[in-house]
């Protein structure tokens, strides 16, 4: 089972975004038959089978094996991933392109987050078990009068790091940095 399955086709999103199917995916974190799922959910096996087959056709669930029960081949299914990400490109950008070089504002953060999600999704599509990567998070508390100075320092540190390690030989790595107010406070 993959860690992430990145959904960039509208058909996949349409198949997934139904409460019953999301519940089925949660339960299919472990291998199960439609009969077992039906018993857990208090539904008919036929109804569960219908939804599982839709999920399988969209590539969200896989049939991992079969077993013979009272003369019938019964499929055993499992979700293909632990989490499913929907691409922002399913809706697309509305309102035209942003200004080139814009680094302030929520729109730029959304674009950055989408770029990172897309890049991570591409890495997840590969066969490698280990991908050389690093994720860091932190929290800083800033008084309003110190925000501008902090942002300048952060930008200067980031640019110095890129200048020190950005050139030369070797495999390219993407580096993204975001700073935004946490929670509803601003």
N, C-alpha and C. Protein backbone atom coordinates (compact mmCIF):
# COMPACT_ATOMS: atom_id res chain seq x y z
N UNK A 1 0.85 -1.18 0.00
CA UNK A 1 0.00 0.00 0.00
C UNK A 1 0.89 1.24 0.00
N UNK A 2 0.56 2.17 -0.88
CA UNK A 2 1.30 3.44 -0.97
C UNK A 2 0.97 4.34 0.22
N UNK A 3 1.85 5.28 0.49
CA UNK A 3 1.54 6.30 1.49
C UNK A 3 0.52 7.28 0.95
N UNK A 4 0.71 7.70 -0.32
CA UNK A 4 -0.12 8.75 -0.91
C UNK A 4 -0.51 8.37 -2.33
N UNK A 5 -1.74 8.64 -2.68
CA UNK A 5 -2.19 8.54 -4.06
C UNK A 5 -2.72 9.91 -4.44
N UNK A 6 -2.08 10.53 -5.40
CA UNK A 6 -2.39 11.89 -5.84
C UNK A 6 -3.42 11.80 -6.95
N UNK A 7 -4.59 12.37 -6.74
CA UNK A 7 -5.67 12.28 -7.71
C UNK A 7 -5.69 13.54 -8.56
N UNK A 8 -5.43 13.36 -9.86
CA UNK A 8 -5.43 14.52 -10.75
C UNK A 8 -6.40 14.36 -11.90
N UNK A 9 -7.26 13.33 -11.82
CA UNK A 9 -8.30 13.14 -12.83
C UNK A 9 -9.66 13.35 -12.18
N UNK A 10 -10.50 14.11 -12.83
CA UNK A 10 -11.82 14.45 -12.29
C UNK A 10 -12.64 13.20 -12.01
N UNK A 11 -12.48 12.15 -12.82
CA UNK A 11 -13.24 10.92 -12.63
C UNK A 11 -12.90 10.28 -11.29
N UNK A 12 -11.62 10.34 -10.92
CA UNK A 12 -11.21 9.77 -9.63
C UNK A 12 -11.84 10.56 -8.48
N UNK A 13 -11.80 11.88 -8.58
CA UNK A 13 -12.37 12.72 -7.52
C UNK A 13 -13.88 12.49 -7.40
N UNK A 14 -14.57 12.39 -8.54
CA UNK A 14 -16.01 12.14 -8.51
C UNK A 14 -16.33 10.81 -7.85
N UNK A 15 -15.51 9.81 -8.11
CA UNK A 15 -15.73 8.50 -7.51
C UNK A 15 -15.47 8.54 -6.02
N UNK A 16 -14.43 9.22 -5.61
CA UNK A 16 -14.03 9.25 -4.21
C UNK A 16 -14.97 10.07 -3.33
N UNK A 17 -15.40 11.21 -3.79
CA UNK A 17 -16.05 12.18 -2.92
C UNK A 17 -17.52 11.87 -2.65
N UNK A 18 -17.73 10.72 -2.09
CA UNK A 18 -19.04 10.28 -1.63
C UNK A 18 -18.82 9.70 -0.23
N UNK A 19 -19.60 10.14 0.76
CA UNK A 19 -19.34 9.71 2.14
C UNK A 19 -19.24 8.19 2.32
N UNK A 20 -20.09 7.44 1.67
CA UNK A 20 -20.07 5.98 1.82
C UNK A 20 -18.74 5.41 1.29
N UNK A 21 -18.26 5.93 0.19
CA UNK A 21 -17.01 5.42 -0.40
C UNK A 21 -15.80 5.79 0.45
N UNK A 22 -15.84 6.96 1.04
CA UNK A 22 -14.74 7.35 1.93
C UNK A 22 -14.71 6.40 3.13
N UNK A 23 -15.87 6.07 3.67
CA UNK A 23 -15.93 5.12 4.77
C UNK A 23 -15.41 3.75 4.35
N UNK A 24 -15.76 3.31 3.14
CA UNK A 24 -15.24 2.03 2.64
C UNK A 24 -13.72 2.07 2.54
N UNK A 25 -13.17 3.17 2.03
CA UNK A 25 -11.71 3.28 1.93
C UNK A 25 -11.05 3.19 3.31
N UNK A 26 -11.64 3.84 4.29
CA UNK A 26 -11.08 3.76 5.65
C UNK A 26 -11.03 2.32 6.13
N UNK A 27 -12.10 1.61 5.89
CA UNK A 27 -12.16 0.22 6.34
C UNK A 27 -11.28 -0.70 5.51
N UNK A 28 -10.98 -0.28 4.29
CA UNK A 28 -10.12 -1.10 3.43
C UNK A 28 -8.64 -0.81 3.64
N UNK A 29 -8.30 -0.14 4.72
CA UNK A 29 -6.89 -0.03 5.10
C UNK A 29 -6.36 -1.43 5.39
N UNK A 30 -7.25 -2.30 5.84
CA UNK A 30 -6.95 -3.73 6.00
C UNK A 30 -7.73 -4.49 4.95
N UNK A 31 -7.18 -5.60 4.49
CA UNK A 31 -7.85 -6.40 3.47
C UNK A 31 -9.19 -6.90 3.98
N UNK A 32 -10.20 -6.77 3.10
CA UNK A 32 -11.54 -7.24 3.45
C UNK A 32 -12.29 -7.65 2.19
N UNK A 33 -13.31 -8.47 2.39
CA UNK A 33 -14.22 -8.82 1.30
C UNK A 33 -15.43 -7.90 1.38
N UNK A 34 -16.20 -7.87 0.33
CA UNK A 34 -17.43 -7.06 0.32
C UNK A 34 -18.42 -7.59 1.35
N UNK A 35 -18.44 -8.91 1.54
CA UNK A 35 -19.33 -9.51 2.54
C UNK A 35 -18.95 -9.05 3.94
N UNK A 36 -17.65 -9.02 4.23
CA UNK A 36 -17.20 -8.55 5.55
C UNK A 36 -17.56 -7.08 5.75
N UNK A 37 -17.31 -6.27 4.72
CA UNK A 37 -17.64 -4.85 4.81
C UNK A 37 -19.14 -4.64 5.01
N UNK A 38 -19.93 -5.41 4.28
CA UNK A 38 -21.39 -5.29 4.41
C UNK A 38 -21.83 -5.60 5.83
N UNK A 39 -21.27 -6.64 6.43
CA UNK A 39 -21.60 -6.99 7.81
C UNK A 39 -21.22 -5.88 8.79
N UNK A 40 -20.06 -5.27 8.58
CA UNK A 40 -19.61 -4.18 9.46
C UNK A 40 -20.49 -2.95 9.33
N UNK A 41 -20.96 -2.69 8.11
CA UNK A 41 -21.72 -1.48 7.85
C UNK A 41 -23.24 -1.67 7.94
N UNK A 42 -23.67 -2.92 8.08
CA UNK A 42 -25.10 -3.18 8.13
C UNK A 42 -25.79 -2.94 6.79
N UNK A 43 -25.09 -3.24 5.71
CA UNK A 43 -25.64 -3.04 4.36
C UNK A 43 -25.61 -4.37 3.61
N UNK A 44 -26.25 -4.39 2.46
CA UNK A 44 -26.24 -5.61 1.65
C UNK A 44 -24.88 -5.75 0.95
N UNK A 45 -24.41 -6.98 0.77
CA UNK A 45 -23.16 -7.18 0.06
C UNK A 45 -23.21 -6.61 -1.37
N UNK A 46 -24.37 -6.66 -2.01
CA UNK A 46 -24.49 -6.14 -3.37
C UNK A 46 -24.23 -4.64 -3.42
N UNK A 47 -24.78 -3.92 -2.44
CA UNK A 47 -24.57 -2.46 -2.42
C UNK A 47 -23.10 -2.13 -2.17
N UNK A 48 -22.48 -2.83 -1.24
CA UNK A 48 -21.05 -2.62 -0.96
C UNK A 48 -20.23 -2.98 -2.19
N UNK A 49 -20.55 -4.10 -2.83
CA UNK A 49 -19.83 -4.53 -4.02
C UNK A 49 -19.88 -3.45 -5.11
N UNK A 50 -21.04 -2.86 -5.30
CA UNK A 50 -21.19 -1.79 -6.30
C UNK A 50 -20.20 -0.66 -6.04
N UNK A 51 -20.13 -0.19 -4.80
CA UNK A 51 -19.23 0.92 -4.46
C UNK A 51 -17.76 0.51 -4.55
N UNK A 52 -17.45 -0.70 -4.10
CA UNK A 52 -16.06 -1.17 -4.16
C UNK A 52 -15.61 -1.29 -5.62
N UNK A 53 -16.48 -1.78 -6.49
CA UNK A 53 -16.12 -1.89 -7.91
C UNK A 53 -15.90 -0.51 -8.53
N UNK A 54 -16.69 0.48 -8.14
CA UNK A 54 -16.48 1.86 -8.62
C UNK A 54 -15.11 2.37 -8.15
N UNK A 55 -14.77 2.12 -6.89
CA UNK A 55 -13.47 2.53 -6.35
C UNK A 55 -12.33 1.80 -7.06
N UNK A 56 -12.54 0.53 -7.36
CA UNK A 56 -11.51 -0.24 -8.06
C UNK A 56 -11.32 0.28 -9.49
N UNK A 57 -12.40 0.58 -10.19
CA UNK A 57 -12.32 1.09 -11.56
C UNK A 57 -11.59 2.44 -11.62
N UNK A 58 -11.71 3.23 -10.55
CA UNK A 58 -11.04 4.54 -10.49
C UNK A 58 -9.60 4.42 -10.02
N UNK A 59 -9.15 3.21 -9.68
CA UNK A 59 -7.78 3.02 -9.25
C UNK A 59 -7.54 3.36 -7.79
N UNK A 60 -8.60 3.41 -6.98
CA UNK A 60 -8.46 3.79 -5.58
C UNK A 60 -8.39 2.58 -4.65
N UNK A 61 -8.87 1.45 -5.15
CA UNK A 61 -8.90 0.18 -4.41
C UNK A 61 -8.34 -0.88 -5.34
N UNK A 62 -7.71 -1.88 -4.76
CA UNK A 62 -7.21 -2.99 -5.58
C UNK A 62 -7.68 -4.32 -5.01
N UNK A 63 -7.90 -5.23 -5.94
CA UNK A 63 -8.24 -6.60 -5.55
C UNK A 63 -6.91 -7.30 -5.32
N UNK A 64 -6.65 -7.72 -4.09
CA UNK A 64 -5.34 -8.28 -3.77
C UNK A 64 -5.28 -9.78 -3.91
N UNK A 65 -6.44 -10.43 -3.76
CA UNK A 65 -6.49 -11.88 -3.97
C UNK A 65 -7.94 -12.33 -3.98
N UNK A 66 -8.13 -13.61 -4.16
CA UNK A 66 -9.47 -14.20 -4.17
C UNK A 66 -9.48 -15.42 -3.28
N UNK A 67 -10.68 -15.77 -2.87
CA UNK A 67 -10.85 -17.04 -2.16
C UNK A 67 -12.18 -17.65 -2.58
N UNK A 68 -12.22 -18.94 -2.50
CA UNK A 68 -13.43 -19.66 -2.90
C UNK A 68 -14.30 -19.90 -1.67
N UNK A 69 -15.54 -19.43 -1.75
CA UNK A 69 -16.48 -19.60 -0.64
C UNK A 69 -17.77 -20.18 -1.20
N UNK A 70 -18.13 -21.39 -0.75
CA UNK A 70 -19.34 -22.08 -1.21
C UNK A 70 -19.48 -22.05 -2.72
N UNK A 71 -18.40 -22.34 -3.41
CA UNK A 71 -18.44 -22.43 -4.87
C UNK A 71 -18.36 -21.10 -5.60
N UNK A 72 -18.17 -20.00 -4.88
CA UNK A 72 -18.10 -18.67 -5.50
C UNK A 72 -16.73 -18.06 -5.21
N UNK A 73 -16.17 -17.43 -6.24
CA UNK A 73 -14.92 -16.70 -6.06
C UNK A 73 -15.23 -15.36 -5.40
N UNK A 74 -14.66 -15.14 -4.23
CA UNK A 74 -14.90 -13.89 -3.50
C UNK A 74 -13.61 -13.06 -3.52
N UNK A 75 -13.72 -11.81 -3.95
CA UNK A 75 -12.56 -10.94 -4.00
C UNK A 75 -12.23 -10.35 -2.64
N UNK A 76 -10.94 -10.18 -2.42
CA UNK A 76 -10.46 -9.53 -1.21
C UNK A 76 -9.80 -8.24 -1.66
N UNK A 77 -10.23 -7.13 -1.08
CA UNK A 77 -9.83 -5.80 -1.54
C UNK A 77 -9.07 -5.04 -0.47
N UNK A 78 -8.30 -4.08 -0.95
CA UNK A 78 -7.55 -3.20 -0.06
C UNK A 78 -7.42 -1.83 -0.72
N UNK A 79 -7.43 -0.79 0.09
CA UNK A 79 -7.19 0.56 -0.43
C UNK A 79 -5.78 0.62 -1.01
N UNK A 80 -5.60 1.42 -2.05
CA UNK A 80 -4.29 1.51 -2.69
C UNK A 80 -3.33 2.44 -1.95
N UNK A 81 -3.86 3.28 -1.05
CA UNK A 81 -3.01 4.23 -0.36
C UNK A 81 -3.55 4.52 1.03
N UNK A 82 -2.67 5.06 1.87
CA UNK A 82 -3.07 5.49 3.22
C UNK A 82 -3.77 6.84 3.19
N UNK A 83 -3.43 7.66 2.19
CA UNK A 83 -4.08 8.95 2.05
C UNK A 83 -4.22 9.29 0.57
N UNK A 84 -5.20 10.13 0.29
CA UNK A 84 -5.52 10.52 -1.08
C UNK A 84 -5.51 12.04 -1.14
N UNK A 85 -4.74 12.59 -2.06
CA UNK A 85 -4.65 14.05 -2.23
C UNK A 85 -5.33 14.43 -3.53
N UNK A 86 -6.13 15.48 -3.45
CA UNK A 86 -6.79 16.00 -4.64
C UNK A 86 -5.98 17.18 -5.18
N UNK A 87 -5.66 17.12 -6.44
CA UNK A 87 -4.92 18.21 -7.08
C UNK A 87 -5.81 19.44 -7.20
N UNK A 88 -5.22 20.61 -6.95
CA UNK A 88 -5.96 21.85 -7.16
C UNK A 88 -6.28 22.03 -8.64
N UNK A 89 -5.56 21.36 -9.50
CA UNK A 89 -5.79 21.48 -10.94
C UNK A 89 -7.12 20.86 -11.37
N UNK A 90 -7.75 20.11 -10.47
CA UNK A 90 -9.07 19.57 -10.78
C UNK A 90 -10.07 20.70 -10.98
N UNK A 91 -9.89 21.78 -10.26
CA UNK A 91 -10.75 22.96 -10.41
C UNK A 91 -10.06 23.98 -11.31
N UNK A 92 -8.76 24.11 -11.15
CA UNK A 92 -8.00 25.07 -11.94
C UNK A 92 -7.99 26.43 -11.28
N UNK A 93 -7.04 27.24 -11.69
CA UNK A 93 -6.94 28.59 -11.14
C UNK A 93 -8.03 29.46 -11.75
N UNK A 94 -8.68 30.20 -10.91
CA UNK A 94 -9.74 31.09 -11.37
C UNK A 94 -9.24 32.52 -11.26
N UNK A 95 -9.61 33.37 -12.19
CA UNK A 95 -9.27 34.78 -12.09
C UNK A 95 -7.96 35.17 -12.74
N UNK A 96 -7.36 34.33 -13.52
CA UNK A 96 -6.14 34.69 -14.24
C UNK A 96 -4.88 34.45 -13.44
N UNK A 97 -3.74 34.59 -14.10
CA UNK A 97 -2.46 34.30 -13.44
C UNK A 97 -2.08 35.38 -12.42
N UNK A 98 -1.26 34.97 -11.46
CA UNK A 98 -0.74 35.92 -10.48
C UNK A 98 0.43 36.67 -11.10
N UNK A 99 0.76 37.79 -10.48
CA UNK A 99 1.90 38.58 -10.97
C UNK A 99 3.19 37.79 -10.80
N UNK A 100 4.06 37.84 -11.80
CA UNK A 100 5.35 37.17 -11.73
C UNK A 100 6.16 37.74 -10.57
N UNK A 101 6.83 36.87 -9.84
CA UNK A 101 7.68 37.30 -8.75
C UNK A 101 6.95 37.60 -7.45
N UNK A 102 5.63 37.44 -7.43
CA UNK A 102 4.85 37.72 -6.22
C UNK A 102 5.18 36.66 -5.17
N UNK A 103 5.64 37.10 -4.00
CA UNK A 103 5.96 36.16 -2.93
C UNK A 103 5.14 36.38 -1.68
N UNK A 104 4.39 37.46 -1.64
CA UNK A 104 3.53 37.73 -0.50
C UNK A 104 2.09 37.37 -0.84
N UNK A 105 1.35 36.98 0.15
CA UNK A 105 -0.07 36.71 -0.07
C UNK A 105 -0.40 35.24 -0.04
N UNK A 106 -1.64 34.96 0.29
CA UNK A 106 -2.11 33.58 0.40
C UNK A 106 -2.12 32.86 -0.94
N UNK A 107 -2.36 33.61 -2.03
CA UNK A 107 -2.36 32.97 -3.35
C UNK A 107 -1.02 32.32 -3.65
N UNK A 108 0.06 33.02 -3.32
CA UNK A 108 1.40 32.44 -3.57
C UNK A 108 1.62 31.21 -2.68
N UNK A 109 1.17 31.26 -1.43
CA UNK A 109 1.31 30.10 -0.56
C UNK A 109 0.55 28.90 -1.10
N UNK A 110 -0.66 29.16 -1.62
CA UNK A 110 -1.43 28.06 -2.21
C UNK A 110 -0.71 27.47 -3.43
N UNK A 111 -0.16 28.33 -4.27
CA UNK A 111 0.60 27.84 -5.42
C UNK A 111 1.80 27.02 -4.97
N UNK A 112 2.50 27.50 -3.93
CA UNK A 112 3.67 26.79 -3.41
C UNK A 112 3.26 25.44 -2.84
N UNK A 113 2.19 25.42 -2.05
CA UNK A 113 1.71 24.16 -1.48
C UNK A 113 1.31 23.17 -2.57
N UNK A 114 0.67 23.67 -3.61
CA UNK A 114 0.28 22.81 -4.72
C UNK A 114 1.50 22.25 -5.45
N UNK A 115 2.50 23.09 -5.63
CA UNK A 115 3.73 22.63 -6.29
C UNK A 115 4.40 21.54 -5.46
N UNK A 116 4.50 21.75 -4.15
CA UNK A 116 5.10 20.74 -3.28
C UNK A 116 4.28 19.46 -3.32
N UNK A 117 2.95 19.57 -3.22
CA UNK A 117 2.10 18.38 -3.25
C UNK A 117 2.27 17.62 -4.57
N UNK A 118 2.32 18.34 -5.68
CA UNK A 118 2.51 17.69 -6.97
C UNK A 118 3.86 17.00 -7.08
N UNK A 119 4.91 17.66 -6.59
CA UNK A 119 6.24 17.05 -6.62
C UNK A 119 6.30 15.80 -5.75
N UNK A 120 5.71 15.89 -4.54
CA UNK A 120 5.70 14.74 -3.64
C UNK A 120 4.89 13.60 -4.26
N UNK A 121 3.79 13.94 -4.92
CA UNK A 121 2.97 12.91 -5.57
C UNK A 121 3.77 12.20 -6.66
N UNK A 122 4.53 12.96 -7.44
CA UNK A 122 5.37 12.33 -8.48
C UNK A 122 6.39 11.39 -7.86
N UNK A 123 6.99 11.81 -6.74
CA UNK A 123 7.94 10.93 -6.05
C UNK A 123 7.24 9.67 -5.55
N UNK A 124 6.02 9.82 -5.05
CA UNK A 124 5.27 8.68 -4.51
C UNK A 124 4.87 7.70 -5.61
N UNK A 125 4.78 8.17 -6.85
CA UNK A 125 4.42 7.27 -7.96
C UNK A 125 5.56 6.31 -8.31
N UNK A 126 6.76 6.66 -7.91
CA UNK A 126 7.92 5.82 -8.21
C UNK A 126 7.93 4.56 -7.37
N UNK A 127 8.93 3.74 -7.63
CA UNK A 127 9.03 2.46 -6.93
C UNK A 127 9.97 2.50 -5.73
N UNK A 128 10.69 3.60 -5.55
CA UNK A 128 11.68 3.66 -4.48
C UNK A 128 11.00 3.66 -3.11
N UNK A 129 11.52 2.83 -2.19
CA UNK A 129 11.00 2.80 -0.83
C UNK A 129 11.47 4.02 -0.05
N UNK A 130 12.71 4.39 -0.24
CA UNK A 130 13.29 5.52 0.47
C UNK A 130 13.64 6.62 -0.52
N UNK A 131 13.14 7.80 -0.29
CA UNK A 131 13.45 8.96 -1.12
C UNK A 131 14.20 9.95 -0.25
N UNK A 132 15.40 10.37 -0.64
CA UNK A 132 16.14 11.31 0.20
C UNK A 132 15.38 12.63 0.30
N UNK A 133 14.77 12.85 1.45
CA UNK A 133 13.95 14.04 1.64
C UNK A 133 13.99 14.46 3.09
N UNK A 134 13.53 15.68 3.33
CA UNK A 134 13.53 16.23 4.67
C UNK A 134 12.35 17.17 4.79
N UNK A 135 11.62 17.05 5.87
CA UNK A 135 10.53 17.97 6.14
C UNK A 135 10.73 18.59 7.51
N UNK A 136 10.70 19.88 7.57
CA UNK A 136 10.88 20.60 8.83
C UNK A 136 9.69 21.51 9.07
N UNK A 137 9.25 21.60 10.29
CA UNK A 137 8.23 22.56 10.65
C UNK A 137 8.63 23.21 11.97
N UNK A 138 8.10 24.34 12.22
CA UNK A 138 8.37 25.03 13.47
C UNK A 138 7.36 26.14 13.67
N UNK A 139 7.41 26.72 14.83
CA UNK A 139 6.51 27.82 15.13
C UNK A 139 7.32 28.91 15.80
N UNK A 140 7.06 30.12 15.41
CA UNK A 140 7.70 31.28 16.01
C UNK A 140 6.60 32.26 16.41
N UNK A 141 6.79 32.95 17.49
CA UNK A 141 5.81 33.96 17.93
C UNK A 141 6.44 35.33 17.73
N UNK A 142 5.72 36.16 17.01
CA UNK A 142 6.25 37.47 16.65
C UNK A 142 5.29 38.58 17.05
N UNK A 143 5.83 39.57 17.72
CA UNK A 143 5.06 40.78 17.99
C UNK A 143 4.91 41.52 16.66
N UNK A 144 3.80 42.21 16.44
CA UNK A 144 3.58 42.88 15.15
C UNK A 144 4.74 43.78 14.72
N UNK A 145 5.39 44.44 15.65
CA UNK A 145 6.48 45.33 15.28
C UNK A 145 7.76 44.58 14.89
N UNK A 146 7.84 43.27 15.13
CA UNK A 146 9.03 42.49 14.77
C UNK A 146 8.84 41.66 13.51
N UNK A 147 7.65 41.60 12.98
CA UNK A 147 7.36 40.73 11.83
C UNK A 147 8.21 41.08 10.61
N UNK A 148 8.27 42.34 10.27
CA UNK A 148 9.01 42.74 9.07
C UNK A 148 10.49 42.40 9.19
N UNK A 149 11.09 42.65 10.35
CA UNK A 149 12.51 42.33 10.56
C UNK A 149 12.73 40.82 10.48
N UNK A 150 11.81 40.04 11.06
CA UNK A 150 11.92 38.59 10.98
C UNK A 150 11.87 38.10 9.54
N UNK A 151 10.93 38.63 8.78
CA UNK A 151 10.79 38.22 7.37
C UNK A 151 12.06 38.55 6.59
N UNK A 152 12.64 39.72 6.81
CA UNK A 152 13.90 40.08 6.13
C UNK A 152 15.02 39.11 6.51
N UNK A 153 15.14 38.80 7.81
CA UNK A 153 16.17 37.86 8.26
C UNK A 153 15.96 36.48 7.65
N UNK A 154 14.72 36.02 7.65
CA UNK A 154 14.40 34.72 7.10
C UNK A 154 14.74 34.66 5.61
N UNK A 155 14.39 35.69 4.87
CA UNK A 155 14.68 35.73 3.45
C UNK A 155 16.19 35.76 3.20
N UNK A 156 16.92 36.55 3.98
CA UNK A 156 18.37 36.64 3.82
C UNK A 156 19.04 35.29 4.13
N UNK A 157 18.59 34.62 5.18
CA UNK A 157 19.13 33.31 5.54
C UNK A 157 18.86 32.29 4.45
N UNK A 158 17.65 32.29 3.92
CA UNK A 158 17.26 31.37 2.85
C UNK A 158 18.12 31.61 1.61
N UNK A 159 18.26 32.87 1.22
CA UNK A 159 19.06 33.21 0.04
C UNK A 159 20.52 32.85 0.24
N UNK A 160 21.06 33.04 1.46
CA UNK A 160 22.46 32.68 1.74
C UNK A 160 22.65 31.16 1.64
N UNK A 161 21.68 30.41 2.14
CA UNK A 161 21.74 28.95 2.06
C UNK A 161 21.73 28.49 0.61
N UNK A 162 20.85 29.08 -0.19
CA UNK A 162 20.81 28.73 -1.62
C UNK A 162 22.11 29.10 -2.32
N UNK A 163 22.68 30.25 -1.99
CA UNK A 163 23.94 30.67 -2.61
C UNK A 163 25.08 29.72 -2.23
N UNK A 164 25.08 29.26 -0.99
CA UNK A 164 26.15 28.39 -0.51
C UNK A 164 26.04 26.98 -1.09
N UNK A 165 24.82 26.48 -1.26
CA UNK A 165 24.63 25.08 -1.68
C UNK A 165 23.92 24.93 -3.01
N UNK A 166 23.50 25.99 -3.63
CA UNK A 166 22.63 25.92 -4.80
C UNK A 166 23.30 25.58 -6.11
N UNK A 167 24.55 25.85 -6.25
CA UNK A 167 25.22 25.60 -7.52
C UNK A 167 25.94 24.27 -7.52
N UNK A 168 26.74 24.09 -8.52
CA UNK A 168 27.59 22.90 -8.55
C UNK A 168 26.92 21.69 -9.16
N UNK A 169 27.51 20.56 -8.84
CA UNK A 169 27.10 19.28 -9.41
C UNK A 169 26.15 18.56 -8.48
N UNK A 170 25.52 17.55 -9.02
CA UNK A 170 24.69 16.68 -8.19
C UNK A 170 23.23 16.71 -8.57
N UNK A 171 22.49 15.96 -7.83
CA UNK A 171 21.05 15.83 -8.06
C UNK A 171 20.32 17.07 -7.56
N UNK A 172 19.40 17.62 -8.36
CA UNK A 172 18.67 18.81 -7.90
C UNK A 172 17.62 18.45 -6.84
N UNK A 173 17.48 19.31 -5.85
CA UNK A 173 16.47 19.18 -4.81
C UNK A 173 15.66 20.46 -4.78
N UNK A 174 14.37 20.35 -4.57
CA UNK A 174 13.52 21.53 -4.40
C UNK A 174 13.53 21.91 -2.92
N UNK A 175 13.51 23.18 -2.68
CA UNK A 175 13.47 23.70 -1.32
C UNK A 175 12.38 24.75 -1.26
N UNK A 176 11.38 24.53 -0.41
CA UNK A 176 10.27 25.47 -0.29
C UNK A 176 10.22 25.98 1.15
N UNK A 177 9.95 27.23 1.30
CA UNK A 177 9.86 27.84 2.63
C UNK A 177 8.58 28.67 2.67
N UNK A 178 7.79 28.48 3.71
CA UNK A 178 6.55 29.22 3.85
C UNK A 178 6.45 29.78 5.26
N UNK A 179 5.91 30.95 5.38
CA UNK A 179 5.68 31.57 6.68
C UNK A 179 4.29 32.20 6.64
N UNK A 180 3.43 31.82 7.59
CA UNK A 180 2.05 32.30 7.59
C UNK A 180 1.52 32.30 9.01
N UNK A 181 0.49 33.10 9.28
CA UNK A 181 -0.11 33.10 10.61
C UNK A 181 -0.75 31.76 10.91
N UNK A 182 -0.56 31.27 12.12
CA UNK A 182 -1.10 29.98 12.48
C UNK A 182 -2.48 30.16 13.12
N UNK A 183 -3.43 29.38 12.69
CA UNK A 183 -4.77 29.46 13.24
C UNK A 183 -5.52 30.69 12.76
N UNK A 184 -6.56 31.04 13.47
CA UNK A 184 -7.43 32.14 13.07
C UNK A 184 -6.90 33.49 13.53
N UNK A 185 -5.82 33.51 14.29
CA UNK A 185 -5.29 34.77 14.80
C UNK A 185 -4.48 35.49 13.75
N UNK A 186 -4.66 36.80 13.66
CA UNK A 186 -3.85 37.59 12.73
C UNK A 186 -3.54 38.89 13.34
